[in-house]
PDB file of N, CA and C in Angstrom:
ATOM      1  N   MET A   1     133.705  62.745 117.784  1.00  0.00           N
ATOM      2  CA  MET A   1     133.716  61.578 117.267  1.00  0.00           C
ATOM      3  C   MET A   1     132.367  61.340 116.540  1.00  0.00           C
ATOM      4  N   VAL A   2     132.418  60.711 115.305  1.00  0.00           N
ATOM      5  CA  VAL A   2     131.254  60.296 114.624  1.00  0.00           C
ATOM      6  C   VAL A   2     131.128  58.907 114.388  1.00  0.00           C
ATOM      7  N   ARG A   3     129.933  58.395 114.543  1.00  0.00           N
ATOM      8  CA  ARG A   3     129.759  56.907 114.371  1.00  0.00           C
ATOM      9  C   ARG A   3     129.089  56.713 113.019  1.00  0.00           C
ATOM     10  N   LEU A   4     129.847  55.774 112.194  1.00  0.00           N
ATOM     11  CA  LEU A   4     129.525  55.540 110.933  1.00  0.00           C
ATOM     12  C   LEU A   4     129.374  54.033 110.686  1.00  0.00           C
ATOM     13  N   LEU A   5     128.598  53.471 109.696  1.00  0.00           N
ATOM     14  CA  LEU A   5     128.528  52.110 109.414  1.00  0.00           C
ATOM     15  C   LEU A   5     129.371  51.844 108.093  1.00  0.00           C
ATOM     16  N   ILE A   6     130.404  51.047 108.227  1.00  0.00           N
ATOM     17  CA  ILE A   6     131.166  50.698 107.111  1.00  0.00           C
ATOM     18  C   ILE A   6     130.765  49.298 106.421  1.00  0.00           C
ATOM     19  N   ILE A   7     130.553  49.349 105.122  1.00  0.00           N
ATOM     20  CA  ILE A   7     130.230  48.144 104.409  1.00  0.00           C
ATOM     21  C   ILE A   7     131.191  47.728 103.369  1.00  0.00           C
ATOM     22  N   GLU A   8     131.705  46.672 103.418  1.00  0.00           N
ATOM     23  CA  GLU A   8     132.846  46.189 102.494  1.00  0.00           C
ATOM     24  C   GLU A   8     132.330  44.981 101.794  1.00  0.00           C
ATOM     25  N   PRO A   9     132.728  44.797 100.438  1.00  0.00           N
ATOM     26  CA  PRO A   9     132.391  43.617  99.777  1.00  0.00           C
ATOM     27  C   PRO A   9     132.891  42.439 100.550  1.00  0.00           C
ATOM     28  N   ASP A  10     132.045  41.237 100.575  1.00  0.00           N
ATOM     29  CA  ASP A  10     132.355  39.953 101.180  1.00  0.00           C
ATOM     30  C   ASP A  10     132.433  39.958 102.680  1.00  0.00           C
ATOM     31  N   TYR A  11     132.115  41.175 103.401  1.00  0.00           N
ATOM     32  CA  TYR A  11     132.145  41.160 104.771  1.00  0.00           C
ATOM     33  C   TYR A  11     130.895  41.621 105.449  1.00  0.00           C
ATOM     34  N   CYS A  12     130.780  41.354 106.755  1.00  0.00           N
ATOM     35  CA  CYS A  12     129.556  41.996 107.359  1.00  0.00           C
ATOM     36  C   CYS A  12     129.937  43.436 107.702  1.00  0.00           C
ATOM     37  N   PRO A  13     128.818  44.265 107.781  1.00  0.00           N
ATOM     38  CA  PRO A  13     129.117  45.643 108.159  1.00  0.00           C
ATOM     39  C   PRO A  13     129.619  45.760 109.586  1.00  0.00           C
ATOM     40  N   TYR A  14     130.313  46.882 109.804  1.00  0.00           N
ATOM     41  CA  TYR A  14     130.771  47.063 111.216  1.00  0.00           C
ATOM     42  C   TYR A  14     130.761  48.697 111.452  1.00  0.00           C
ATOM     43  N   ILE A  15     130.605  48.907 112.763  1.00  0.00           N
ATOM     44  CA  ILE A  15     130.519  50.339 113.165  1.00  0.00           C
ATOM     45  C   ILE A  15     131.792  50.770 113.484  1.00  0.00           C
ATOM     46  N   ALA A  16     132.234  51.997 113.108  1.00  0.00           N
ATOM     47  CA  ALA A  16     133.511  52.539 113.322  1.00  0.00           C
ATOM     48  C   ALA A  16     133.319  54.029 113.724  1.00  0.00           C
ATOM     49  N   ASN A  17     134.199  54.561 114.535  1.00  0.00           N
ATOM     50  CA  ASN A  17     134.181  55.792 115.070  1.00  0.00           C
ATOM     51  C   ASN A  17     135.323  56.560 114.568  1.00  0.00           C
ATOM     52  N   PHE A  18     135.074  57.800 113.969  1.00  0.00           N
ATOM     53  CA  PHE A  18     136.121  58.640 113.285  1.00  0.00           C
ATOM     54  C   PHE A  18     136.037  60.013 113.923  1.00  0.00           C
ATOM     55  N   ASP A  19     137.097  60.715 113.809  1.00  0.00           N
ATOM     56  CA  ASP A  19     137.188  62.135 114.252  1.00  0.00           C
ATOM     57  C   ASP A  19     136.123  63.067 113.541  1.00  0.00           C
ATOM     58  N   ASN A  20     136.111  62.864 112.218  1.00  0.00           N
ATOM     59  CA  ASN A  20     135.313  63.597 111.494  1.00  0.00           C
ATOM     60  C   ASN A  20     134.888  62.918 110.161  1.00  0.00           C
ATOM     61  N   ILE A  21     133.884  63.380 109.366  1.00  0.00           N
ATOM     62  CA  ILE A  21     133.441  62.648 108.273  1.00  0.00           C
ATOM     63  C   ILE A  21     134.501  62.691 107.127  1.00  0.00           C
ATOM     64  N   GLU A  22     135.232  63.833 107.011  1.00  0.00           N
ATOM     65  CA  GLU A  22     136.359  63.909 106.015  1.00  0.00           C
ATOM     66  C   GLU A  22     137.505  62.836 106.174  1.00  0.00           C
ATOM     67  N   SER A  23     137.846  62.507 107.481  1.00  0.00           N
ATOM     68  CA  SER A  23     138.912  61.604 107.618  1.00  0.00           C
ATOM     69  C   SER A  23     138.324  60.054 107.342  1.00  0.00           C
ATOM     70  N   ALA A  24     137.066  59.985 107.609  1.00  0.00           N
ATOM     71  CA  ALA A  24     136.507  58.655 107.257  1.00  0.00           C
ATOM     72  C   ALA A  24     136.398  58.371 105.811  1.00  0.00           C
ATOM     73  N   VAL A  25     136.037  59.534 105.046  1.00  0.00           N
ATOM     74  CA  VAL A  25     135.973  59.210 103.712  1.00  0.00           C
ATOM     75  C   VAL A  25     137.295  59.074 103.009  1.00  0.00           C
ATOM     76  N   ARG A  26     138.379  59.849 103.593  1.00  0.00           N
ATOM     77  CA  ARG A  26     139.723  59.572 103.050  1.00  0.00           C
ATOM     78  C   ARG A  26     140.234  58.190 103.305  1.00  0.00           C
ATOM     79  N   GLU A  27     139.883  57.497 104.514  1.00  0.00           N
ATOM     80  CA  GLU A  27     140.375  56.234 104.809  1.00  0.00           C
ATOM     81  C   GLU A  27     139.617  55.048 104.172  1.00  0.00           C
ATOM     82  N   VAL A  28     138.198  55.373 103.820  1.00  0.00           N
ATOM     83  CA  VAL A  28     137.359  54.185 103.469  1.00  0.00           C
ATOM     84  C   VAL A  28     137.199  54.189 101.943  1.00  0.00           C
ATOM     85  N   ILE A  29     136.854  55.339 101.437  1.00  0.00           N
ATOM     86  CA  ILE A  29     136.362  55.379  99.986  1.00  0.00           C
ATOM     87  C   ILE A  29     137.466  55.660  98.995  1.00  0.00           C
ATOM     88  N   PRO A  30     137.645  54.850  98.017  1.00  0.00           N
ATOM     89  CA  PRO A  30     138.657  55.012  97.036  1.00  0.00           C
ATOM     90  C   PRO A  30     138.195  56.150  96.082  1.00  0.00           C
ATOM     91  N   GLY A  31     139.171  56.972  95.796  1.00  0.00           N
ATOM     92  CA  GLY A  31     138.965  58.229  94.829  1.00  0.00           C
ATOM     93  C   GLY A  31     137.914  59.115  95.324  1.00  0.00           C
ATOM     94  N   THR A  32     137.220  59.724  94.420  1.00  0.00           N
ATOM     95  CA  THR A  32     136.302  60.827  94.761  1.00  0.00           C
ATOM     96  C   THR A  32     134.938  60.243  95.315  1.00  0.00           C
ATOM     97  N   SER A  33     134.384  60.784  96.297  1.00  0.00           N
ATOM     98  CA  SER A  33     133.210  60.239  96.934  1.00  0.00           C
ATOM     99  C   SER A  33     131.974  60.986  96.583  1.00  0.00           C
ATOM    100  N   GLN A  34     130.806  60.359  96.705  1.00  0.00           N
ATOM    101  CA  GLN A  34     129.519  61.230  96.419  1.00  0.00           C
ATOM    102  C   GLN A  34     128.522  60.701  97.643  1.00  0.00           C
ATOM    103  N   LEU A  35     127.641  61.670  97.882  1.00  0.00           N
ATOM    104  CA  LEU A  35     126.619  61.361  98.899  1.00  0.00           C
ATOM    105  C   LEU A  35     125.330  61.057  98.143  1.00  0.00           C
ATOM    106  N   THR A  36     124.765  59.864  98.446  1.00  0.00           N
ATOM    107  CA  THR A  36     123.491  59.474  97.780  1.00  0.00           C
ATOM    108  C   THR A  36     122.478  59.241  98.822  1.00  0.00           C
ATOM    109  N   LEU A  37     121.228  59.223  98.428  1.00  0.00           N
ATOM    110  CA  LEU A  37     120.142  58.984  99.279  1.00  0.00           C
ATOM    111  C   LEU A  37     119.320  57.850  98.740  1.00  0.00           C
ATOM    112  N   PRO A  38     119.874  56.612  98.807  1.00  0.00           N
ATOM    113  CA  PRO A  38     119.098  55.365  98.209  1.00  0.00           C
ATOM    114  C   PRO A  38     118.056  54.829  99.042  1.00  0.00           C
ATOM    115  N   PHE A  39     117.923  55.304 100.382  1.00  0.00           N
ATOM    116  CA  PHE A  39     117.104  54.744 101.335  1.00  0.00           C
ATOM    117  C   PHE A  39     115.706  55.459 101.232  1.00  0.00           C
ATOM    118  N   ASP A  40     114.602  55.014 101.901  1.00  0.00           N
ATOM    119  CA  ASP A  40     113.302  55.699 101.946  1.00  0.00           C
ATOM    120  C   ASP A  40     113.313  56.840 102.812  1.00  0.00           C
ATOM    121  N   THR A  41     114.386  57.336 103.286  1.00  0.00           N
ATOM    122  CA  THR A  41     114.363  58.518 104.142  1.00  0.00           C
ATOM    123  C   THR A  41     115.478  59.509 103.726  1.00  0.00           C
ATOM    124  N   ALA A  42     115.168  60.820 104.103  1.00  0.00           N
ATOM    125  CA  ALA A  42     116.172  61.728 103.720  1.00  0.00           C
ATOM    126  C   ALA A  42     117.251  62.073 104.941  1.00  0.00           C
ATOM    127  N   LYS A  43     117.058  61.235 105.962  1.00  0.00           N
ATOM    128  CA  LYS A  43     117.986  61.392 107.176  1.00  0.00           C
ATOM    129  C   LYS A  43     119.070  60.453 107.129  1.00  0.00           C
ATOM    130  N   ILE A  44     119.009  59.400 106.232  1.00  0.00           N
ATOM    131  CA  ILE A  44     120.123  58.401 106.178  1.00  0.00           C
ATOM    132  C   ILE A  44     120.613  58.452 104.701  1.00  0.00           C
ATOM    133  N   GLY A  45     121.913  58.439 104.584  1.00  0.00           N
ATOM    134  CA  GLY A  45     122.566  58.488 103.229  1.00  0.00           C
ATOM    135  C   GLY A  45     123.676  57.588 103.143  1.00  0.00           C
ATOM    136  N   MET A  46     124.209  57.492 101.935  1.00  0.00           N
ATOM    137  CA  MET A  46     125.451  56.614 101.735  1.00  0.00           C
ATOM    138  C   MET A  46     126.534  57.437 101.020  1.00  0.00           C
ATOM    139  N   LEU A  47     127.752  57.152 101.503  1.00  0.00           N
ATOM    140  CA  LEU A  47     128.887  57.737 100.839  1.00  0.00           C
ATOM    141  C   LEU A  47     129.555  56.655 100.111  1.00  0.00           C
ATOM    142  N   CYS A  48     129.717  56.869  98.894  1.00  0.00           N
ATOM    143  CA  CYS A  48     130.396  55.692  98.029  1.00  0.00           C
ATOM    144  C   CYS A  48     131.225  56.553  96.869  1.00  0.00           C
ATOM    145  N   SER A  49     131.923  55.783  96.267  1.00  0.00           N
ATOM    146  CA  SER A  49     132.814  56.294  95.193  1.00  0.00           C
ATOM    147  C   SER A  49     132.047  56.701  93.933  1.00  0.00           C
ATOM    148  N   GLU A  50     132.416  57.765  93.503  1.00  0.00           N
ATOM    149  CA  GLU A  50     131.747  58.392  92.190  1.00  0.00           C
ATOM    150  C   GLU A  50     131.877  57.427  91.143  1.00  0.00           C
ATOM    151  N   ASN A  51     133.137  56.932  90.888  1.00  0.00           N
ATOM    152  CA  ASN A  51     133.356  56.154  89.802  1.00  0.00           C
ATOM    153  C   ASN A  51     133.445  54.614  90.285  1.00  0.00           C
ATOM    154  N   GLN A  52     132.520  53.862  90.045  1.00  0.00           N
ATOM    155  CA  GLN A  52     132.384  52.451  90.618  1.00  0.00           C
ATOM    156  C   GLN A  52     132.754  51.435  89.556  1.00  0.00           C
ATOM    157  N   SER A  53     133.180  51.893  88.492  1.00  0.00           N
ATOM    158  CA  SER A  53     133.621  50.941  87.472  1.00  0.00           C
ATOM    159  C   SER A  53     134.926  50.223  87.871  1.00  0.00           C
ATOM    160  N   GLY A  54     135.091  49.026  87.798  1.00  0.00           N
ATOM    161  CA  GLY A  54     136.354  48.344  88.152  1.00  0.00           C
ATOM    162  C   GLY A  54     136.363  47.919  89.693  1.00  0.00           C
ATOM    163  N   LEU A  55     135.405  48.371  90.395  1.00  0.00           N
ATOM    164  CA  LEU A  55     135.331  47.964  91.920  1.00  0.00           C
ATOM    165  C   LEU A  55     134.493  46.716  92.041  1.00  0.00           C
ATOM    166  N   LYS A  56     134.728  45.961  93.011  1.00  0.00           N
ATOM    167  CA  LYS A  56     134.029  44.725  93.434  1.00  0.00           C
ATOM    168  C   LYS A  56     132.557  44.988  93.776  1.00  0.00           C
ATOM    169  N   PHE A  57     131.736  44.121  93.362  1.00  0.00           N
ATOM    170  CA  PHE A  57     130.353  44.327  93.754  1.00  0.00           C
ATOM    171  C   PHE A  57     130.264  44.188  95.296  1.00  0.00           C
ATOM    172  N   ASN A  58     129.362  45.092  95.930  1.00  0.00           N
ATOM    173  CA  ASN A  58     129.292  45.033  97.312  1.00  0.00           C
ATOM    174  C   ASN A  58     127.821  44.655  97.787  1.00  0.00           C
ATOM    175  N   ARG A  59     126.719  45.553  97.435  1.00  0.00           N
ATOM    176  CA  ARG A  59     125.485  45.176  97.934  1.00  0.00           C
ATOM    177  C   ARG A  59     124.485  45.773  96.863  1.00  0.00           C
ATOM    178  N   GLN A  60     123.338  45.093  96.818  1.00  0.00           N
ATOM    179  CA  GLN A  60     122.100  45.583  96.134  1.00  0.00           C
ATOM    180  C   GLN A  60     121.303  46.463  97.171  1.00  0.00           C
ATOM    181  N   ILE A  61     121.297  47.736  97.080  1.00  0.00           N
ATOM    182  CA  ILE A  61     120.660  48.516  98.149  1.00  0.00           C
ATOM    183  C   ILE A  61     119.244  48.499  97.904  1.00  0.00           C
ATOM    184  N   ASN A  62     118.726  48.784  96.679  1.00  0.00           N
ATOM    185  CA  ASN A  62     117.291  48.721  96.333  1.00  0.00           C
ATOM    186  C   ASN A  62     117.212  48.201  94.919  1.00  0.00           C
ATOM    187  N   GLU A  63     116.138  48.148  94.312  1.00  0.00           N
ATOM    188  CA  GLU A  63     116.077  47.596  93.014  1.00  0.00           C
ATOM    189  C   GLU A  63     116.656  48.544  91.814  1.00  0.00           C
ATOM    190  N   ASP A  64     116.773  49.787  92.242  1.00  0.00           N
ATOM    191  CA  ASP A  64     117.383  50.753  91.260  1.00  0.00           C
ATOM    192  C   ASP A  64     118.889  51.012  91.491  1.00  0.00           C
ATOM    193  N   PHE A  65     119.432  50.630  92.740  1.00  0.00           N
ATOM    194  CA  PHE A  65     120.831  51.121  93.052  1.00  0.00           C
ATOM    195  C   PHE A  65     121.568  49.878  93.631  1.00  0.00           C
ATOM    196  N   SER A  66     122.666  49.656  93.053  1.00  0.00           N
ATOM    197  CA  SER A  66     123.779  48.750  93.457  1.00  0.00           C
ATOM    198  C   SER A  66     125.033  49.514  93.840  1.00  0.00           C
ATOM    199  N   VAL A  67     125.795  49.048  94.795  1.00  0.00           N
ATOM    200  CA  VAL A  67     126.912  49.755  95.130  1.00  0.00           C
ATOM    201  C   VAL A  67     128.145  48.846  94.906  1.00  0.00           C
ATOM    202  N   TYR A  68     129.174  49.402  94.448  1.00  0.00           N
ATOM    203  CA  TYR A  68     130.452  48.688  94.173  1.00  0.00           C
ATOM    204  C   TYR A  68     131.511  49.282  95.022  1.00  0.00           C
ATOM    205  N   GLY A  69     132.434  48.392  95.580  1.00  0.00           N
ATOM    206  CA  GLY A  69     133.457  48.904  96.463  1.00  0.00           C
ATOM    207  C   GLY A  69     132.986  49.165  97.968  1.00  0.00           C
ATOM    208  N   ARG A  70     133.895  49.698  98.785  1.00  0.00           N
ATOM    209  CA  ARG A  70     133.457  50.091 100.051  1.00  0.00           C
ATOM    210  C   ARG A  70     132.578  51.252 100.030  1.00  0.00           C
ATOM    211  N   CYS A  71     131.607  51.371 101.190  1.00  0.00           N
ATOM    212  CA  CYS A  71     130.873  52.472 101.319  1.00  0.00           C
ATOM    213  C   CYS A  71     130.527  52.712 102.749  1.00  0.00           C
ATOM    214  N   ILE A  72     130.018  53.903 102.986  1.00  0.00           N
ATOM    215  CA  ILE A  72     129.704  54.281 104.326  1.00  0.00           C
ATOM    216  C   ILE A  72     128.277  54.623 104.482  1.00  0.00           C
ATOM    217  N   ILE A  73     127.507  54.190 105.460  1.00  0.00           N
ATOM    218  CA  ILE A  73     126.242  54.599 105.727  1.00  0.00           C
ATOM    219  C   ILE A  73     126.307  55.634 106.839  1.00  0.00           C
ATOM    220  N   CYS A  74     125.631  56.780 106.492  1.00  0.00           N
ATOM    221  CA  CYS A  74     125.813  57.892 107.500  1.00  0.00           C
ATOM    222  C   CYS A  74     124.453  58.673 107.684  1.00  0.00           C
ATOM    223  N   GLY A  75     124.416  59.687 108.700  1.00  0.00           N
ATOM    224  CA  GLY A  75     123.244  60.392 108.718  1.00  0.00           C
ATOM    225  C   GLY A  75     123.457  61.551 107.788  1.00  0.00           C
ATOM    226  N   VAL A  76     122.269  62.233 107.511  1.00  0.00           N
ATOM    227  CA  VAL A  76     122.298  63.433 106.664  1.00  0.00           C
ATOM    228  C   VAL A  76     121.413  64.419 107.329  1.00  0.00           C
ATOM    229  N   ARG A  77     122.093  65.695 107.362  1.00  0.00           N
ATOM    230  CA  ARG A  77     121.447  66.815 107.838  1.00  0.00           C
ATOM    231  C   ARG A  77     121.887  68.111 106.993  1.00  0.00           C
ATOM    232  N   GLU A  78     120.792  68.594 106.426  1.00  0.00           N
ATOM    233  CA  GLU A  78     120.980  69.802 105.588  1.00  0.00           C
ATOM    234  C   GLU A  78     121.936  69.502 104.417  1.00  0.00           C
ATOM    235  N   ASN A  79     121.694  68.386 103.706  1.00  0.00           N
ATOM    236  CA  ASN A  79     122.523  67.903 102.563  1.00  0.00           C
ATOM    237  C   ASN A  79     124.050  67.728 102.783  1.00  0.00           C
ATOM    238  N   ALA A  80     124.231  67.464 104.161  1.00  0.00           N
ATOM    239  CA  ALA A  80     125.689  67.092 104.506  1.00  0.00           C
ATOM    240  C   ALA A  80     125.653  65.813 105.342  1.00  0.00           C
ATOM    241  N   ALA A  81     126.771  65.114 105.275  1.00  0.00           N
ATOM    242  CA  ALA A  81     126.873  63.818 106.079  1.00  0.00           C
ATOM    243  C   ALA A  81     127.129  64.148 107.488  1.00  0.00           C
ATOM    244  N   THR A  82     126.507  63.224 108.304  1.00  0.00           N
ATOM    245  CA  THR A  82     126.737  63.463 109.802  1.00  0.00           C
ATOM    246  C   THR A  82     126.911  61.891 110.294  1.00  0.00           C
ATOM    247  N   GLY A  83     127.096  61.906 111.630  1.00  0.00           N
ATOM    248  CA  GLY A  83     127.141  60.538 112.282  1.00  0.00           C
ATOM    249  C   GLY A  83     125.670  59.879 112.498  1.00  0.00           C
ATOM    250  N   LEU A  84     125.748  58.637 112.824  1.00  0.00           N
ATOM    251  CA  LEU A  84     124.633  57.881 113.043  1.00  0.00           C
ATOM    252  C   LEU A  84     124.372  57.702 114.544  1.00  0.00           C
ATOM    253  N   SER A  85     123.070  57.629 114.837  1.00  0.00           N
ATOM    254  CA  SER A  85     122.822  57.230 116.316  1.00  0.00           C
ATOM    255  C   SER A  85     123.105  55.640 116.477  1.00  0.00           C
ATOM    256  N   ARG A  86     123.240  55.202 117.660  1.00  0.00           N
ATOM    257  CA  ARG A  86     123.413  53.778 117.884  1.00  0.00           C
ATOM    258  C   ARG A  86     122.292  52.977 117.309  1.00  0.00           C
ATOM    259  N   GLU A  87     121.091  53.419 117.540  1.00  0.00           N
ATOM    260  CA  GLU A  87     119.938  52.654 116.873  1.00  0.00           C
ATOM    261  C   GLU A  87     119.851  52.624 115.396  1.00  0.00           C
ATOM    262  N   GLN A  88     120.322  53.678 114.715  1.00  0.00           N
ATOM    263  CA  GLN A  88     120.389  53.766 113.327  1.00  0.00           C
ATOM    264  C   GLN A  88     121.516  52.856 112.769  1.00  0.00           C
ATOM    265  N   ALA A  89     122.650  52.910 113.455  1.00  0.00           N
ATOM    266  CA  ALA A  89     123.762  51.981 113.008  1.00  0.00           C
ATOM    267  C   ALA A  89     123.376  50.559 113.235  1.00  0.00           C
ATOM    268  N   ASP A  90     122.672  50.196 114.228  1.00  0.00           N
ATOM    269  CA  ASP A  90     122.344  48.786 114.552  1.00  0.00           C
ATOM    270  C   ASP A  90     121.324  48.345 113.477  1.00  0.00           C
ATOM    271  N   ARG A  91     120.285  49.168 113.208  1.00  0.00           N
ATOM    272  CA  ARG A  91     119.268  48.839 112.210  1.00  0.00           C
ATOM    273  C   ARG A  91     119.826  48.565 110.810  1.00  0.00           C
ATOM    274  N   TYR A  92     120.683  49.501 110.310  1.00  0.00           N
ATOM    275  CA  TYR A  92     121.285  49.231 108.945  1.00  0.00           C
ATOM    276  C   TYR A  92     122.270  48.094 108.967  1.00  0.00           C
ATOM    277  N   SER A  93     123.035  47.979 110.109  1.00  0.00           N
ATOM    278  CA  SER A  93     123.869  46.625 110.283  1.00  0.00           C
ATOM    279  C   SER A  93     123.048  45.320 110.056  1.00  0.00           C
ATOM    280  N   ARG A  94     121.894  45.297 110.638  1.00  0.00           N
ATOM    281  CA  ARG A  94     121.070  44.147 110.583  1.00  0.00           C
ATOM    282  C   ARG A  94     120.556  43.920 109.305  1.00  0.00           C
ATOM    283  N   LYS A  95     120.167  45.135 108.567  1.00  0.00           N
ATOM    284  CA  LYS A  95     119.643  45.118 107.232  1.00  0.00           C
ATOM    285  C   LYS A  95     120.597  44.462 106.113  1.00  0.00           C
ATOM    286  N   TYR A  96     121.733  44.909 106.325  1.00  0.00           N
ATOM    287  CA  TYR A  96     122.827  44.534 105.374  1.00  0.00           C
ATOM    288  C   TYR A  96     123.880  43.490 105.903  1.00  0.00           C
ATOM    289  N   PHE A  97     123.359  42.659 106.952  1.00  0.00           N
ATOM    290  CA  PHE A  97     124.343  41.852 107.658  1.00  0.00           C
ATOM    291  C   PHE A  97     125.066  40.908 106.744  1.00  0.00           C
ATOM    292  N   LEU A  98     124.284  40.197 105.907  1.00  0.00           N
ATOM    293  CA  LEU A  98     124.874  39.206 105.042  1.00  0.00           C
ATOM    294  C   LEU A  98     125.469  39.760 103.781  1.00  0.00           C
ATOM    295  N   PRO A  99     126.794  39.485 103.465  1.00  0.00           N
ATOM    296  CA  PRO A  99     127.419  39.986 102.115  1.00  0.00           C
ATOM    297  C   PRO A  99     126.523  39.480 101.095  1.00  0.00           C
ATOM    298  N   GLU A 100     126.650  39.998  99.952  1.00  0.00           N
ATOM    299  CA  GLU A 100     126.020  39.562  98.692  1.00  0.00           C
ATOM    300  C   GLU A 100     127.013  39.354  97.589  1.00  0.00           C
ATOM    301  N   SER A 101     126.627  38.454  96.707  1.00  0.00           N
ATOM    302  CA  SER A 101     127.678  38.287  95.536  1.00  0.00           C
ATOM    303  C   SER A 101     126.712  38.009  94.250  1.00  0.00           C
ATOM    304  N   THR A 102     127.228  38.351  93.064  1.00  0.00           N
ATOM    305  CA  THR A 102     126.526  37.929  91.983  1.00  0.00           C
ATOM    306  C   THR A 102     126.796  36.546  91.635  1.00  0.00           C
ATOM    307  N   LEU A 103     125.929  35.795  91.014  1.00  0.00           N
ATOM    308  CA  LEU A 103     125.930  34.375  90.702  1.00  0.00           C
ATOM    309  C   LEU A 103     126.946  34.083  89.678  1.00  0.00           C
ATOM    310  N   GLN A 104     127.018  34.932  88.581  1.00  0.00           N
ATOM    311  CA  GLN A 104     127.946  34.694  87.498  1.00  0.00           C
ATOM    312  C   GLN A 104     128.545  35.902  87.209  1.00  0.00           C
ATOM    313  N   ASP A 105     129.786  35.996  86.672  1.00  0.00           N
ATOM    314  CA  ASP A 105     130.521  37.121  86.435  1.00  0.00           C
ATOM    315  C   ASP A 105     129.832  38.437  86.199  1.00  0.00           C
ATOM    316  N   GLY A 106     129.182  39.027  87.254  1.00  0.00           N
ATOM    317  CA  GLY A 106     128.699  40.255  87.200  1.00  0.00           C
ATOM    318  C   GLY A 106     127.158  40.222  86.904  1.00  0.00           C
ATOM    319  N   ASP A 107     126.659  39.004  86.458  1.00  0.00           N
ATOM    320  CA  ASP A 107     125.271  38.904  86.172  1.00  0.00           C
ATOM    321  C   ASP A 107     124.426  38.812  87.286  1.00  0.00           C
ATOM    322  N   PHE A 108     123.233  39.320  87.303  1.00  0.00           N
ATOM    323  CA  PHE A 108     122.279  39.240  88.473  1.00  0.00           C
ATOM    324  C   PHE A 108     121.474  37.790  88.253  1.00  0.00           C
ATOM    325  N   PRO A 109     120.957  37.210  89.227  1.00  0.00           N
ATOM    326  CA  PRO A 109     120.432  37.848  90.459  1.00  0.00           C
ATOM    327  C   PRO A 109     121.585  37.754  91.539  1.00  0.00           C
ATOM    328  N   ILE A 110     121.166  38.336  92.702  1.00  0.00           N
ATOM    329  CA  ILE A 110     122.139  38.438  93.794  1.00  0.00           C
ATOM    330  C   ILE A 110     121.895  37.250  94.802  1.00  0.00           C
ATOM    331  N   ALA A 111     122.940  36.756  95.315  1.00  0.00           N
ATOM    332  CA  ALA A 111     122.846  35.628  96.311  1.00  0.00           C
ATOM    333  C   ALA A 111     123.449  36.057  97.562  1.00  0.00           C
ATOM    334  N   LYS A 112     122.859  35.815  98.761  1.00  0.00           N
ATOM    335  CA  LYS A 112     123.484  36.034 100.098  1.00  0.00           C
ATOM    336  C   LYS A 112     124.667  35.150 100.244  1.00  0.00           C
ATOM    337  N   ALA A 113     125.767  35.561 100.788  1.00  0.00           N
ATOM    338  CA  ALA A 113     126.968  34.768 100.980  1.00  0.00           C
ATOM    339  C   ALA A 113     127.371  34.748 102.416  1.00  0.00           C
ATOM    340  N   LYS A 114     127.948  33.804 102.956  1.00  0.00           N
ATOM    341  CA  LYS A 114     128.527  33.660 104.251  1.00  0.00           C
ATOM    342  C   LYS A 114     129.796  34.544 104.255  1.00  0.00           C
ATOM    343  N   PRO A 115     129.862  35.371 105.305  1.00  0.00           N
ATOM    344  CA  PRO A 115     130.975  36.320 105.293  1.00  0.00           C
ATOM    345  C   PRO A 115     132.251  35.681 105.658  1.00  0.00           C
ATOM    346  N   MET A 116     133.314  36.225 105.024  1.00  0.00           N
ATOM    347  CA  MET A 116     134.733  35.592 105.313  1.00  0.00           C
ATOM    348  C   MET A 116     135.153  36.247 106.742  1.00  0.00           C
ATOM    349  N   ASP A 117     136.112  35.457 107.247  1.00  0.00           N
ATOM    350  CA  ASP A 117     136.709  35.805 108.527  1.00  0.00           C
ATOM    351  C   ASP A 117     138.268  35.607 108.388  1.00  0.00           C
ATOM    352  N   GLU A 118     138.951  36.636 108.249  1.00  0.00           N
ATOM    353  CA  GLU A 118     140.548  36.554 108.095  1.00  0.00           C
ATOM    354  C   GLU A 118     141.170  36.173 109.523  1.00  0.00           C
ATOM    355  N   ARG A 119     140.549  36.362 110.665  1.00  0.00           N
ATOM    356  CA  ARG A 119     141.155  36.063 111.914  1.00  0.00           C
ATOM    357  C   ARG A 119     141.471  34.661 111.964  1.00  0.00           C
ATOM    358  N   PHE A 120     140.650  33.764 111.589  1.00  0.00           N
ATOM    359  CA  PHE A 120     140.867  32.116 111.915  1.00  0.00           C
ATOM    360  C   PHE A 120     141.176  31.507 110.625  1.00  0.00           C
ATOM    361  N   GLY A 121     141.084  32.220 109.389  1.00  0.00           N
ATOM    362  CA  GLY A 121     141.364  31.470 108.067  1.00  0.00           C
ATOM    363  C   GLY A 121     140.140  30.523 107.785  1.00  0.00           C
ATOM    364  N   ARG A 122     139.012  30.747 108.366  1.00  0.00           N
ATOM    365  CA  ARG A 122     137.825  30.010 108.041  1.00  0.00           C
ATOM    366  C   ARG A 122     136.559  30.887 108.335  1.00  0.00           C
ATOM    367  N   LYS A 123     135.422  30.335 107.740  1.00  0.00           N
ATOM    368  CA  LYS A 123     134.241  31.119 107.943  1.00  0.00           C
ATOM    369  C   LYS A 123     133.785  31.260 109.350  1.00  0.00           C
ATOM    370  N   VAL A 124     133.176  32.400 109.704  1.00  0.00           N
ATOM    371  CA  VAL A 124     132.835  32.785 111.045  1.00  0.00           C
ATOM    372  C   VAL A 124     131.427  32.036 111.325  1.00  0.00           C
ATOM    373  N   ARG A 125     131.444  31.729 112.540  1.00  0.00           N
ATOM    374  CA  ARG A 125     130.072  31.182 113.184  1.00  0.00           C
ATOM    375  C   ARG A 125     129.389  32.284 113.811  1.00  0.00           C
ATOM    376  N   PHE A 126     128.122  32.384 113.677  1.00  0.00           N
ATOM    377  CA  PHE A 126     127.297  33.456 114.234  1.00  0.00           C
ATOM    378  C   PHE A 126     127.698  33.753 115.802  1.00  0.00           C
ATOM    379  N   TRP A 127     127.769  32.726 116.567  1.00  0.00           N
ATOM    380  CA  TRP A 127     127.924  32.916 118.021  1.00  0.00           C
ATOM    381  C   TRP A 127     129.413  33.357 118.349  1.00  0.00           C
ATOM    382  N   GLU A 128     130.353  33.458 117.366  1.00  0.00           N
ATOM    383  CA  GLU A 128     131.706  33.930 117.560  1.00  0.00           C
ATOM    384  C   GLU A 128     131.820  35.378 117.508  1.00  0.00           C
ATOM    385  N   ARG A 129     130.826  36.074 116.961  1.00  0.00           N
ATOM    386  CA  ARG A 129     130.854  37.444 116.790  1.00  0.00           C
ATOM    387  C   ARG A 129     130.669  38.238 118.031  1.00  0.00           C
TER     388      ARG A 129
END
C-alpha cells in the first residue's frame, strides 16, 4: 500500500491508500499524467494531467506553477513516484488545506474558498472533520 495525497478542485486534500502508483494514477488523473517537481525539494513531487486545458482550476502551487484538475502529491525516489510518509502527507495537507478559486473567469488573483461538503448539502465546519 502506498499513501498519497489527493487534491481536487473546490475540496480539501485527503490522504488515500492505493495498491500501487499506477492504479492511483488511473483512478485519479484524467488522461496522460506527468510527474513534476514544483516544490522546493526533490523528494516530493506532483502527478497531474499533461494536458490541463479545459480542466477546472485547482491550486496555485507556487508563483510559476498552477495546477488544473485533480492531482496527486507523492514522494519521489530516483525520478519515480513513491508513497508519502504520514508526516509528509500531513504537512502538504495543511499547506493546501483551503481550496482556491480565481476571482473572475480564469483571471488571477487567487482567493481562498470554503470547501464544499456533499455529505450534508452545506458547507463543512472545521470541528466536523
